[in-house]
N, C-alpha and C. Protein backbone atom coordinates (compact mmCIF):
# COMPACT_ATOMS: atom_id res chain seq x y z
N MET A 1 0.84 -1.16 0.00
CA MET A 1 0.00 0.00 0.00
C MET A 1 0.89 1.23 0.00
N GLU A 2 0.60 2.14 -0.92
CA GLU A 2 1.34 3.38 -0.95
C GLU A 2 0.78 4.32 0.10
N LEU A 3 1.66 4.91 0.83
CA LEU A 3 1.25 5.84 1.88
C LEU A 3 1.75 7.23 1.53
N PRO A 4 1.09 8.26 2.06
CA PRO A 4 1.65 9.59 1.84
C PRO A 4 3.05 9.67 2.44
N GLY A 5 3.71 10.74 2.21
CA GLY A 5 5.09 10.87 2.64
C GLY A 5 5.34 10.39 4.06
N LEU A 6 6.47 9.75 4.23
CA LEU A 6 6.82 9.20 5.54
C LEU A 6 6.87 10.29 6.61
N ARG A 7 7.33 11.46 6.22
CA ARG A 7 7.39 12.56 7.19
C ARG A 7 6.01 12.91 7.72
N THR A 8 5.00 12.85 6.85
CA THR A 8 3.64 13.17 7.28
C THR A 8 3.18 12.20 8.35
N TRP A 9 3.42 10.90 8.14
CA TRP A 9 3.00 9.90 9.13
C TRP A 9 3.79 10.02 10.42
N VAL A 10 5.08 10.30 10.32
CA VAL A 10 5.90 10.43 11.53
C VAL A 10 5.41 11.60 12.37
N VAL A 11 5.17 12.73 11.74
CA VAL A 11 4.69 13.90 12.47
C VAL A 11 3.31 13.62 13.06
N PHE A 12 2.43 12.98 12.29
CA PHE A 12 1.09 12.66 12.76
C PHE A 12 1.13 11.78 14.01
N TYR A 13 1.94 10.72 13.97
CA TYR A 13 2.00 9.82 15.12
C TYR A 13 2.80 10.40 16.29
N LEU A 14 3.75 11.26 16.03
CA LEU A 14 4.45 11.94 17.13
C LEU A 14 3.50 12.87 17.87
N ILE A 15 2.69 13.60 17.14
CA ILE A 15 1.71 14.48 17.78
C ILE A 15 0.71 13.64 18.57
N SER A 16 0.27 12.53 18.00
CA SER A 16 -0.65 11.63 18.70
C SER A 16 -0.03 11.11 19.99
N PHE A 17 1.22 10.71 19.92
CA PHE A 17 1.91 10.18 21.09
C PHE A 17 2.05 11.24 22.18
N VAL A 18 2.38 12.45 21.81
CA VAL A 18 2.51 13.54 22.78
C VAL A 18 1.16 13.81 23.46
N VAL A 19 0.09 13.83 22.68
CA VAL A 19 -1.23 14.08 23.27
C VAL A 19 -1.62 12.95 24.21
N LEU A 20 -1.32 11.71 23.85
CA LEU A 20 -1.62 10.58 24.74
C LEU A 20 -0.78 10.64 26.02
N LEU A 21 0.47 11.04 25.91
CA LEU A 21 1.30 11.20 27.12
C LEU A 21 0.75 12.30 28.02
N TRP A 22 0.32 13.39 27.41
CA TRP A 22 -0.23 14.49 28.19
C TRP A 22 -1.52 14.05 28.89
N ALA A 23 -2.36 13.28 28.17
CA ALA A 23 -3.59 12.78 28.77
C ALA A 23 -3.29 11.83 29.91
N ALA A 24 -2.27 10.98 29.76
CA ALA A 24 -1.89 10.07 30.84
C ALA A 24 -1.38 10.85 32.05
N PHE A 25 -0.63 11.91 31.80
CA PHE A 25 -0.13 12.75 32.88
C PHE A 25 -1.28 13.41 33.64
N LEU A 26 -2.26 13.92 32.89
CA LEU A 26 -3.41 14.56 33.53
C LEU A 26 -4.22 13.57 34.35
N SER A 27 -4.42 12.38 33.84
CA SER A 27 -5.22 11.40 34.57
C SER A 27 -4.46 10.83 35.76
N ALA A 28 -3.14 10.75 35.68
CA ALA A 28 -2.34 10.22 36.79
C ALA A 28 -2.38 11.17 37.99
N GLN A 29 -2.48 12.46 37.72
CA GLN A 29 -2.56 13.43 38.81
C GLN A 29 -3.97 13.52 39.38
N GLY A 30 -4.93 12.98 38.69
CA GLY A 30 -6.30 12.99 39.18
C GLY A 30 -7.07 14.25 38.82
N VAL A 31 -6.46 15.14 38.09
CA VAL A 31 -7.16 16.35 37.66
C VAL A 31 -7.55 16.19 36.20
N MET A 32 -8.65 16.77 35.86
CA MET A 32 -9.12 16.78 34.48
C MET A 32 -9.19 15.37 33.88
N VAL A 33 -9.78 14.44 34.60
CA VAL A 33 -9.91 13.07 34.11
C VAL A 33 -10.77 13.05 32.84
N TRP A 34 -11.82 13.87 32.84
CA TRP A 34 -12.69 13.89 31.67
C TRP A 34 -11.98 14.48 30.46
N VAL A 35 -11.12 15.45 30.68
CA VAL A 35 -10.37 16.03 29.56
C VAL A 35 -9.40 15.00 28.99
N SER A 36 -8.73 14.28 29.87
CA SER A 36 -7.78 13.27 29.39
C SER A 36 -8.52 12.13 28.68
N LEU A 37 -9.67 11.73 29.18
CA LEU A 37 -10.46 10.69 28.51
C LEU A 37 -10.92 11.17 27.14
N PHE A 38 -11.36 12.42 27.06
CA PHE A 38 -11.77 12.99 25.78
C PHE A 38 -10.60 13.03 24.80
N LEU A 39 -9.41 13.40 25.26
CA LEU A 39 -8.24 13.44 24.39
C LEU A 39 -7.90 12.05 23.86
N ILE A 40 -7.97 11.05 24.72
CA ILE A 40 -7.66 9.69 24.31
C ILE A 40 -8.66 9.20 23.27
N ILE A 41 -9.95 9.43 23.51
CA ILE A 41 -10.97 9.01 22.56
C ILE A 41 -10.81 9.76 21.23
N LEU A 42 -10.50 11.04 21.30
CA LEU A 42 -10.30 11.85 20.10
C LEU A 42 -9.13 11.34 19.27
N ILE A 43 -8.01 11.07 19.89
CA ILE A 43 -6.83 10.60 19.16
C ILE A 43 -7.08 9.22 18.56
N ILE A 44 -7.68 8.32 19.31
CA ILE A 44 -7.97 6.99 18.77
C ILE A 44 -8.94 7.09 17.60
N GLY A 45 -9.94 7.96 17.72
CA GLY A 45 -10.90 8.15 16.63
C GLY A 45 -10.26 8.71 15.39
N ILE A 46 -9.40 9.72 15.54
CA ILE A 46 -8.72 10.31 14.39
C ILE A 46 -7.80 9.30 13.73
N ASN A 47 -7.07 8.52 14.52
CA ASN A 47 -6.20 7.49 13.95
C ASN A 47 -7.02 6.45 13.19
N PHE A 48 -8.14 6.02 13.75
CA PHE A 48 -8.98 5.03 13.09
C PHE A 48 -9.53 5.55 11.77
N VAL A 49 -10.02 6.77 11.77
CA VAL A 49 -10.58 7.36 10.55
C VAL A 49 -9.49 7.55 9.49
N THR A 50 -8.31 7.96 9.90
CA THR A 50 -7.22 8.16 8.96
C THR A 50 -6.81 6.85 8.29
N VAL A 51 -6.64 5.81 9.09
CA VAL A 51 -6.25 4.52 8.52
C VAL A 51 -7.38 3.96 7.65
N LEU A 52 -8.62 4.10 8.07
CA LEU A 52 -9.75 3.63 7.28
C LEU A 52 -9.82 4.35 5.94
N ASN A 53 -9.58 5.65 5.92
CA ASN A 53 -9.56 6.41 4.66
C ASN A 53 -8.43 5.95 3.75
N GLN A 54 -7.27 5.63 4.32
CA GLN A 54 -6.16 5.13 3.51
C GLN A 54 -6.50 3.79 2.88
N VAL A 55 -7.16 2.91 3.63
CA VAL A 55 -7.55 1.61 3.10
C VAL A 55 -8.58 1.78 1.98
N LYS A 56 -9.56 2.67 2.19
CA LYS A 56 -10.56 2.93 1.16
C LYS A 56 -9.93 3.51 -0.10
N MET A 57 -8.99 4.44 0.07
CA MET A 57 -8.34 5.05 -1.08
C MET A 57 -7.52 4.00 -1.84
N HIS A 58 -6.86 3.12 -1.13
CA HIS A 58 -6.08 2.05 -1.78
C HIS A 58 -7.01 1.11 -2.55
N SER A 59 -8.14 0.77 -1.95
CA SER A 59 -9.10 -0.11 -2.61
C SER A 59 -9.67 0.55 -3.86
N ALA A 60 -9.99 1.82 -3.77
CA ALA A 60 -10.53 2.54 -4.94
C ALA A 60 -9.48 2.63 -6.04
N ARG A 61 -8.24 2.86 -5.70
CA ARG A 61 -7.18 2.93 -6.69
C ARG A 61 -6.99 1.57 -7.37
N LYS A 62 -7.05 0.49 -6.58
CA LYS A 62 -6.89 -0.84 -7.14
C LYS A 62 -8.06 -1.17 -8.08
N GLU A 63 -9.26 -0.81 -7.69
CA GLU A 63 -10.44 -1.03 -8.54
C GLU A 63 -10.34 -0.22 -9.83
N PHE A 64 -9.86 1.02 -9.73
CA PHE A 64 -9.69 1.87 -10.91
C PHE A 64 -8.67 1.25 -11.87
N GLN A 65 -7.56 0.76 -11.34
CA GLN A 65 -6.55 0.13 -12.18
C GLN A 65 -7.08 -1.15 -12.81
N HIS A 66 -7.88 -1.89 -12.07
CA HIS A 66 -8.49 -3.10 -12.63
C HIS A 66 -9.43 -2.75 -13.78
N ASN A 67 -10.21 -1.70 -13.62
CA ASN A 67 -11.13 -1.28 -14.69
C ASN A 67 -10.38 -0.78 -15.92
N LEU A 68 -9.23 -0.14 -15.72
CA LEU A 68 -8.45 0.33 -16.85
C LEU A 68 -7.89 -0.82 -17.68
N THR A 69 -7.50 -1.89 -17.03
CA THR A 69 -6.85 -3.00 -17.73
C THR A 69 -7.77 -4.18 -17.97
N LYS A 70 -9.06 -4.01 -17.76
CA LYS A 70 -10.01 -5.13 -17.88
C LYS A 70 -10.03 -5.71 -19.30
N GLY A 71 -10.06 -4.90 -20.32
CA GLY A 71 -10.16 -5.39 -21.68
C GLY A 71 -8.82 -5.64 -22.35
N PHE A 72 -7.74 -5.45 -21.65
CA PHE A 72 -6.41 -5.56 -22.23
C PHE A 72 -5.99 -7.03 -22.20
N ASP A 73 -5.59 -7.56 -23.39
CA ASP A 73 -5.15 -8.95 -23.48
C ASP A 73 -3.73 -8.98 -24.02
N ARG A 74 -2.80 -9.46 -23.24
CA ARG A 74 -1.39 -9.46 -23.64
C ARG A 74 -1.07 -10.57 -24.63
N SER A 75 -1.88 -11.61 -24.69
CA SER A 75 -1.57 -12.73 -25.58
C SER A 75 -1.62 -12.29 -27.06
N LYS A 76 -2.43 -11.30 -27.39
CA LYS A 76 -2.49 -10.81 -28.77
C LYS A 76 -1.21 -10.07 -29.16
N ASP A 77 -0.59 -9.40 -28.18
CA ASP A 77 0.63 -8.63 -28.46
C ASP A 77 1.82 -9.54 -28.72
N LYS A 78 1.85 -10.73 -28.15
CA LYS A 78 3.00 -11.63 -28.29
C LYS A 78 3.04 -12.29 -29.65
N GLU A 79 1.92 -12.43 -30.31
CA GLU A 79 1.88 -13.10 -31.61
C GLU A 79 2.30 -12.25 -32.74
């Protein structure tokens, strides 16, 4: 599966990791438990939607390529 630039994914997951660490820090101190829970749910949701969109885009690209080459027969070219 082709992914967008590696730098984009690294930055995306680094930001996600920092937010999760911050949420863990807030919940460990016992303050703002609801804020930390909201941050965790938000990050997991964004990650899920992002990966799901990448899978859908890959599937659509594969289907498009299949439709482009559906009528193409290589055996005629070899003769």
